């Protein structure tokens, strides 16, 4: 039985998440301000299945480098989240916290597995242009 990656939107705008070429789940993850009372400022999330092979991965996380697109009102953002199957077995759940500038991947025991940068599409294009020079 495969685990899930629970993706949490830790930003003040609704998130549309694309994973390995396809929109995830119901299409959007509400912003953290959408709750009321005790639920206000709590990140909203969605469960995304894990799979072993990239060929099974549109809309799922696989062992390897996963391509994410995040659309907020601010624009289109991208990230690359690698999952090492040798250190995080396929049957384990993971938690992915995404904010405007970074992401953190945490295992089911609360230990950070990895972290990375979230880039605006314009920032990515600038980096790629500089690398080609």
N, C-alpha and C. Protein backbone atom coordinates (compact mmCIF):
# COMPACT_ATOMS: atom_id res chain seq x y z
N UNK A 1 0.84 -1.18 0.00
CA UNK A 1 0.00 0.00 0.00
C UNK A 1 0.88 1.24 0.00
N UNK A 2 0.61 2.16 -0.90
CA UNK A 2 1.40 3.38 -1.02
C UNK A 2 0.89 4.45 -0.07
N UNK A 3 1.82 5.32 0.34
CA UNK A 3 1.47 6.44 1.20
C UNK A 3 0.99 7.62 0.37
N UNK A 4 0.77 8.71 1.06
CA UNK A 4 0.35 9.96 0.43
C UNK A 4 1.35 11.06 0.77
N UNK A 5 1.34 12.10 -0.03
CA UNK A 5 2.00 13.35 0.32
C UNK A 5 0.88 14.34 0.59
N UNK A 6 0.82 14.81 1.83
CA UNK A 6 -0.19 15.79 2.22
C UNK A 6 0.39 17.17 1.93
N UNK A 7 -0.19 17.86 0.94
CA UNK A 7 0.32 19.15 0.49
C UNK A 7 -0.47 20.25 1.18
N UNK A 8 0.25 21.15 1.86
CA UNK A 8 -0.38 22.24 2.59
C UNK A 8 -0.02 23.58 1.97
N UNK A 9 -1.02 24.42 1.77
CA UNK A 9 -0.86 25.77 1.26
C UNK A 9 -0.62 26.70 2.44
N UNK A 10 0.60 27.16 2.60
CA UNK A 10 0.96 28.03 3.72
C UNK A 10 1.15 29.45 3.16
N UNK A 11 0.12 29.93 2.48
CA UNK A 11 0.16 31.27 1.88
C UNK A 11 -1.24 31.85 1.96
N UNK A 12 -1.32 33.15 1.88
CA UNK A 12 -2.59 33.84 2.09
C UNK A 12 -3.46 33.93 0.84
N UNK A 13 -3.14 33.17 -0.19
CA UNK A 13 -3.94 33.13 -1.41
C UNK A 13 -4.24 31.68 -1.78
N UNK A 14 -5.39 31.49 -2.42
CA UNK A 14 -5.77 30.16 -2.90
C UNK A 14 -4.71 29.64 -3.88
N UNK A 15 -4.41 28.35 -3.79
CA UNK A 15 -3.37 27.72 -4.60
C UNK A 15 -3.97 26.70 -5.56
N UNK A 16 -3.58 26.80 -6.82
CA UNK A 16 -3.86 25.75 -7.80
C UNK A 16 -2.53 25.03 -8.03
N UNK A 17 -2.52 23.74 -7.72
CA UNK A 17 -1.28 22.96 -7.76
C UNK A 17 -1.28 22.01 -8.95
N UNK A 18 -0.21 22.08 -9.74
CA UNK A 18 0.03 21.14 -10.82
C UNK A 18 1.21 20.26 -10.44
N UNK A 19 1.10 18.98 -10.69
CA UNK A 19 2.16 18.04 -10.31
C UNK A 19 2.46 17.11 -11.47
N UNK A 20 3.69 17.18 -11.95
CA UNK A 20 4.14 16.33 -13.05
C UNK A 20 3.19 16.38 -14.24
N UNK A 21 2.72 17.59 -14.54
CA UNK A 21 1.95 17.83 -15.75
C UNK A 21 0.45 17.81 -15.64
N UNK A 22 -0.11 17.66 -14.44
CA UNK A 22 -1.57 17.62 -14.31
C UNK A 22 -1.99 18.31 -13.00
N UNK A 23 -3.14 18.95 -13.02
CA UNK A 23 -3.67 19.60 -11.83
C UNK A 23 -4.06 18.55 -10.81
N UNK A 24 -3.74 18.82 -9.54
CA UNK A 24 -3.94 17.87 -8.45
C UNK A 24 -5.33 17.98 -7.85
N UNK A 25 -5.92 16.85 -7.54
CA UNK A 25 -7.16 16.77 -6.76
C UNK A 25 -8.31 17.59 -7.31
N UNK A 26 -8.95 18.33 -6.42
CA UNK A 26 -10.12 19.13 -6.79
C UNK A 26 -9.71 20.40 -7.53
N UNK A 27 -8.42 20.62 -7.70
CA UNK A 27 -7.97 21.76 -8.47
C UNK A 27 -7.39 22.90 -7.64
N UNK A 28 -7.92 23.14 -6.45
CA UNK A 28 -7.40 24.24 -5.65
C UNK A 28 -7.26 23.84 -4.18
N UNK A 29 -6.34 24.51 -3.51
CA UNK A 29 -6.18 24.37 -2.07
C UNK A 29 -6.47 25.75 -1.49
N UNK A 30 -7.46 25.87 -0.63
CA UNK A 30 -7.82 27.19 -0.09
C UNK A 30 -6.65 27.85 0.66
N UNK A 31 -6.72 29.17 0.73
CA UNK A 31 -5.71 29.91 1.48
C UNK A 31 -5.89 29.69 2.98
N UNK A 32 -4.91 30.09 3.75
CA UNK A 32 -4.96 29.85 5.19
C UNK A 32 -5.84 30.83 5.94
N UNK A 33 -6.33 31.85 5.25
CA UNK A 33 -7.23 32.82 5.88
C UNK A 33 -8.70 32.45 5.73
N UNK A 34 -8.99 31.39 4.99
CA UNK A 34 -10.38 31.06 4.66
C UNK A 34 -11.15 30.46 5.82
N UNK A 35 -10.49 29.99 6.85
CA UNK A 35 -11.17 29.43 8.01
C UNK A 35 -11.72 30.51 8.93
N UNK A 36 -12.55 30.11 9.87
CA UNK A 36 -13.08 31.05 10.84
C UNK A 36 -12.79 30.54 12.24
N UNK A 37 -12.82 31.43 13.21
CA UNK A 37 -12.61 31.03 14.60
C UNK A 37 -11.27 30.36 14.80
N UNK A 38 -11.27 29.20 15.43
CA UNK A 38 -10.04 28.46 15.72
C UNK A 38 -9.37 27.91 14.47
N UNK A 39 -10.08 27.89 13.33
CA UNK A 39 -9.51 27.34 12.10
C UNK A 39 -8.80 28.40 11.26
N UNK A 40 -8.87 29.65 11.67
CA UNK A 40 -8.20 30.72 10.93
C UNK A 40 -6.69 30.56 11.08
N UNK A 41 -5.95 30.84 10.04
CA UNK A 41 -4.49 30.73 9.98
C UNK A 41 -3.98 29.30 10.05
N UNK A 42 -4.85 28.36 9.78
CA UNK A 42 -4.44 26.96 9.69
C UNK A 42 -4.25 26.62 8.22
N UNK A 43 -3.11 26.05 7.85
CA UNK A 43 -2.91 25.71 6.44
C UNK A 43 -3.94 24.67 5.98
N UNK A 44 -4.46 24.87 4.80
CA UNK A 44 -5.36 23.90 4.19
C UNK A 44 -4.53 22.97 3.32
N UNK A 45 -5.00 21.75 3.16
CA UNK A 45 -4.21 20.78 2.42
C UNK A 45 -5.04 19.80 1.63
N UNK A 46 -4.32 19.00 0.86
CA UNK A 46 -4.93 17.95 0.05
C UNK A 46 -3.99 16.75 0.06
N UNK A 47 -4.56 15.54 0.07
CA UNK A 47 -3.75 14.32 0.01
C UNK A 47 -3.50 13.95 -1.45
N UNK A 48 -2.24 13.71 -1.77
CA UNK A 48 -1.84 13.33 -3.13
C UNK A 48 -1.13 11.97 -3.03
N UNK A 49 -1.57 10.98 -3.80
CA UNK A 49 -0.96 9.65 -3.73
C UNK A 49 0.51 9.65 -4.17
N UNK A 50 1.27 8.69 -3.62
CA UNK A 50 2.63 8.44 -4.05
C UNK A 50 2.62 7.22 -4.97
N UNK A 51 3.56 7.18 -5.90
CA UNK A 51 3.72 6.01 -6.77
C UNK A 51 5.21 5.77 -6.98
N UNK A 52 5.54 4.63 -7.51
CA UNK A 52 6.94 4.25 -7.65
C UNK A 52 7.60 4.83 -8.90
N UNK A 53 6.91 4.78 -10.03
CA UNK A 53 7.53 5.10 -11.31
C UNK A 53 7.04 6.42 -11.89
N UNK A 54 7.93 7.16 -12.58
CA UNK A 54 7.52 8.40 -13.24
C UNK A 54 6.41 8.20 -14.26
N UNK A 55 6.34 7.03 -14.89
CA UNK A 55 5.30 6.78 -15.89
C UNK A 55 3.90 6.74 -15.27
N UNK A 56 3.82 6.51 -13.96
CA UNK A 56 2.53 6.49 -13.26
C UNK A 56 2.23 7.82 -12.57
N UNK A 57 3.06 8.85 -12.83
CA UNK A 57 3.06 10.00 -11.96
C UNK A 57 2.23 11.22 -12.32
N UNK A 58 1.59 11.36 -13.47
CA UNK A 58 0.81 12.59 -13.65
C UNK A 58 -0.19 12.75 -12.51
N UNK A 59 -0.06 13.86 -11.78
CA UNK A 59 -0.95 14.11 -10.65
C UNK A 59 -0.59 13.36 -9.39
N UNK A 60 0.56 12.65 -9.38
CA UNK A 60 1.02 11.90 -8.21
C UNK A 60 2.50 12.21 -7.97
N UNK A 61 2.97 11.93 -6.76
CA UNK A 61 4.39 12.04 -6.44
C UNK A 61 5.06 10.70 -6.66
N UNK A 62 6.24 10.70 -7.29
CA UNK A 62 6.99 9.47 -7.49
C UNK A 62 8.36 9.59 -6.83
N UNK A 63 9.05 8.47 -6.69
CA UNK A 63 10.41 8.49 -6.17
C UNK A 63 11.31 9.07 -7.24
N UNK A 64 11.83 10.25 -6.98
CA UNK A 64 12.64 10.98 -7.94
C UNK A 64 12.27 12.45 -7.88
N UNK A 65 12.63 13.18 -8.94
CA UNK A 65 12.42 14.63 -8.99
C UNK A 65 11.05 14.94 -9.59
N UNK A 66 10.17 15.54 -8.77
CA UNK A 66 8.81 15.89 -9.17
C UNK A 66 8.73 17.37 -9.53
N UNK A 67 8.04 17.68 -10.63
CA UNK A 67 7.88 19.06 -11.08
C UNK A 67 6.55 19.61 -10.59
N UNK A 68 6.61 20.73 -9.87
CA UNK A 68 5.41 21.37 -9.35
C UNK A 68 5.21 22.73 -9.99
N UNK A 69 3.95 23.04 -10.29
CA UNK A 69 3.58 24.40 -10.66
C UNK A 69 2.54 24.88 -9.65
N UNK A 70 2.72 26.08 -9.19
CA UNK A 70 1.79 26.68 -8.24
C UNK A 70 1.27 27.97 -8.82
N UNK A 71 -0.05 28.08 -8.87
CA UNK A 71 -0.66 29.31 -9.36
C UNK A 71 -1.39 29.97 -8.21
N UNK A 72 -0.92 31.16 -7.85
CA UNK A 72 -1.59 32.02 -6.89
C UNK A 72 -2.01 33.26 -7.66
N UNK A 73 -2.75 34.16 -7.03
CA UNK A 73 -3.12 35.42 -7.67
C UNK A 73 -1.88 36.19 -8.10
N UNK A 74 -0.77 36.00 -7.40
CA UNK A 74 0.49 36.68 -7.72
C UNK A 74 1.10 36.22 -9.04
N UNK A 75 0.69 35.05 -9.54
CA UNK A 75 1.24 34.55 -10.78
C UNK A 75 1.56 33.07 -10.72
N UNK A 76 2.39 32.65 -11.67
CA UNK A 76 2.78 31.24 -11.80
C UNK A 76 4.16 31.04 -11.18
N UNK A 77 4.29 29.98 -10.36
CA UNK A 77 5.52 29.66 -9.66
C UNK A 77 5.86 28.20 -9.92
N UNK A 78 7.14 27.87 -9.78
CA UNK A 78 7.60 26.50 -10.04
C UNK A 78 8.53 26.04 -8.92
N UNK A 79 8.58 24.72 -8.75
CA UNK A 79 9.50 24.10 -7.80
C UNK A 79 9.78 22.68 -8.25
N UNK A 80 10.86 22.14 -7.74
CA UNK A 80 11.22 20.76 -8.01
C UNK A 80 11.43 20.07 -6.66
N UNK A 81 10.63 19.04 -6.40
CA UNK A 81 10.67 18.33 -5.12
C UNK A 81 11.13 16.90 -5.37
N UNK A 82 12.30 16.57 -4.83
CA UNK A 82 12.83 15.22 -4.99
C UNK A 82 12.45 14.37 -3.78
N UNK A 83 12.03 13.14 -4.07
CA UNK A 83 11.73 12.17 -3.01
C UNK A 83 12.68 11.00 -3.20
N UNK A 84 13.48 10.73 -2.18
CA UNK A 84 14.44 9.63 -2.21
C UNK A 84 13.77 8.39 -1.63
N UNK A 85 13.41 7.47 -2.50
CA UNK A 85 12.71 6.27 -2.08
C UNK A 85 13.53 5.36 -1.18
N UNK A 86 14.86 5.49 -1.21
CA UNK A 86 15.68 4.65 -0.33
C UNK A 86 15.67 5.15 1.11
N UNK A 87 15.38 6.43 1.33
CA UNK A 87 15.32 6.95 2.69
C UNK A 87 13.88 7.15 3.18
N UNK A 88 12.96 7.26 2.25
CA UNK A 88 11.55 7.41 2.60
C UNK A 88 10.76 6.34 1.83
N UNK A 89 10.49 5.19 2.45
CA UNK A 89 9.77 4.11 1.76
C UNK A 89 8.43 4.57 1.19
N UNK A 90 8.04 3.93 0.12
CA UNK A 90 6.82 4.29 -0.59
C UNK A 90 5.57 4.21 0.28
N UNK A 91 5.57 3.40 1.31
CA UNK A 91 4.38 3.25 2.15
C UNK A 91 4.29 4.32 3.25
N UNK A 92 5.29 5.20 3.35
CA UNK A 92 5.25 6.26 4.35
C UNK A 92 4.55 7.50 3.81
N UNK A 93 3.81 8.16 4.70
CA UNK A 93 3.21 9.45 4.36
C UNK A 93 4.24 10.55 4.54
N UNK A 94 4.11 11.59 3.73
CA UNK A 94 4.95 12.78 3.82
C UNK A 94 4.07 14.01 3.88
N UNK A 95 4.60 15.11 4.41
CA UNK A 95 3.89 16.38 4.46
C UNK A 95 4.73 17.40 3.70
N UNK A 96 4.09 18.09 2.76
CA UNK A 96 4.77 19.11 1.96
C UNK A 96 4.12 20.45 2.25
N UNK A 97 4.89 21.37 2.83
CA UNK A 97 4.41 22.71 3.15
C UNK A 97 4.95 23.67 2.10
N UNK A 98 4.04 24.34 1.37
CA UNK A 98 4.46 25.24 0.30
C UNK A 98 4.06 26.66 0.67
N UNK A 99 5.05 27.57 0.65
CA UNK A 99 4.74 28.99 0.80
C UNK A 99 5.26 29.74 -0.42
N UNK A 100 5.19 31.03 -0.41
CA UNK A 100 5.49 31.85 -1.58
C UNK A 100 6.94 31.74 -2.06
N UNK A 101 7.87 31.42 -1.16
CA UNK A 101 9.27 31.42 -1.56
C UNK A 101 10.01 30.10 -1.30
N UNK A 102 9.37 29.16 -0.60
CA UNK A 102 10.08 27.93 -0.26
C UNK A 102 9.10 26.80 -0.01
N UNK A 103 9.64 25.58 0.02
CA UNK A 103 8.86 24.40 0.39
C UNK A 103 9.69 23.56 1.37
N UNK A 104 8.98 22.83 2.22
CA UNK A 104 9.59 21.91 3.17
C UNK A 104 8.87 20.58 3.09
N UNK A 105 9.64 19.50 2.98
CA UNK A 105 9.11 18.15 2.97
C UNK A 105 9.46 17.49 4.29
N UNK A 106 8.44 17.01 5.00
CA UNK A 106 8.60 16.46 6.35
C UNK A 106 8.03 15.04 6.35
N UNK A 107 8.70 14.12 7.06
CA UNK A 107 8.16 12.76 7.11
C UNK A 107 7.07 12.66 8.19
N UNK A 108 6.47 11.49 8.31
CA UNK A 108 5.35 11.31 9.22
C UNK A 108 5.74 11.39 10.69
N UNK A 109 7.05 11.47 10.95
CA UNK A 109 7.54 11.59 12.31
C UNK A 109 7.95 13.01 12.66
N UNK A 110 7.71 13.94 11.73
CA UNK A 110 8.03 15.35 11.98
C UNK A 110 9.45 15.74 11.68
N UNK A 111 10.19 14.91 10.96
CA UNK A 111 11.59 15.20 10.62
C UNK A 111 11.65 15.74 9.19
N UNK A 112 12.35 16.86 9.02
CA UNK A 112 12.49 17.44 7.68
C UNK A 112 13.33 16.51 6.82
N UNK A 113 12.77 16.14 5.67
CA UNK A 113 13.44 15.27 4.71
C UNK A 113 14.24 16.11 3.72
N UNK A 114 13.64 17.20 3.25
CA UNK A 114 14.31 18.10 2.32
C UNK A 114 13.57 19.43 2.27
N UNK A 115 14.20 20.40 1.64
CA UNK A 115 13.62 21.73 1.50
C UNK A 115 14.14 22.34 0.20
N UNK A 116 13.44 23.33 -0.30
CA UNK A 116 13.87 23.96 -1.54
C UNK A 116 13.21 25.29 -1.76
N UNK A 117 13.48 25.85 -2.92
CA UNK A 117 13.02 27.18 -3.28
C UNK A 117 11.83 27.11 -4.22
N UNK A 118 10.91 28.03 -4.04
CA UNK A 118 9.81 28.24 -4.97
C UNK A 118 10.17 29.49 -5.77
N UNK A 119 10.17 29.38 -7.09
CA UNK A 119 10.54 30.49 -7.95
C UNK A 119 9.36 30.97 -8.77
N UNK A 120 9.24 32.29 -8.90
CA UNK A 120 8.28 32.85 -9.85
C UNK A 120 8.76 32.50 -11.25
N UNK A 121 7.85 32.33 -12.17
CA UNK A 121 8.24 31.93 -13.53
C UNK A 121 9.24 32.92 -14.12
N UNK A 122 9.07 34.20 -13.87
CA UNK A 122 10.01 35.22 -14.35
C UNK A 122 11.40 35.04 -13.77
N UNK A 123 11.49 34.68 -12.48
CA UNK A 123 12.78 34.42 -11.84
C UNK A 123 13.47 33.22 -12.48
N UNK A 124 12.70 32.19 -12.79
CA UNK A 124 13.25 31.00 -13.42
C UNK A 124 13.81 31.32 -14.80
N UNK A 125 13.08 32.11 -15.59
CA UNK A 125 13.54 32.47 -16.92
C UNK A 125 14.85 33.27 -16.85
N UNK A 126 14.96 34.15 -15.86
CA UNK A 126 16.19 34.92 -15.68
C UNK A 126 17.36 34.02 -15.33
N UNK A 127 17.14 33.05 -14.44
CA UNK A 127 18.21 32.11 -14.08
C UNK A 127 18.65 31.27 -15.27
N UNK A 128 17.71 30.81 -16.08
CA UNK A 128 18.04 30.00 -17.23
C UNK A 128 18.82 30.81 -18.27
N UNK A 129 18.44 32.06 -18.47
CA UNK A 129 19.16 32.92 -19.40
C UNK A 129 20.59 33.15 -18.95
N UNK A 130 20.77 33.38 -17.64
CA UNK A 130 22.11 33.62 -17.10
C UNK A 130 22.97 32.36 -17.22
N UNK A 131 22.39 31.19 -17.05
CA UNK A 131 23.13 29.93 -17.13
C UNK A 131 23.59 29.63 -18.55
N UNK A 132 22.86 30.13 -19.55
CA UNK A 132 23.21 29.87 -20.94
C UNK A 132 24.33 30.77 -21.44
N UNK A 133 24.65 31.82 -20.70
CA UNK A 133 25.71 32.75 -21.13
C UNK A 133 27.07 32.20 -20.90
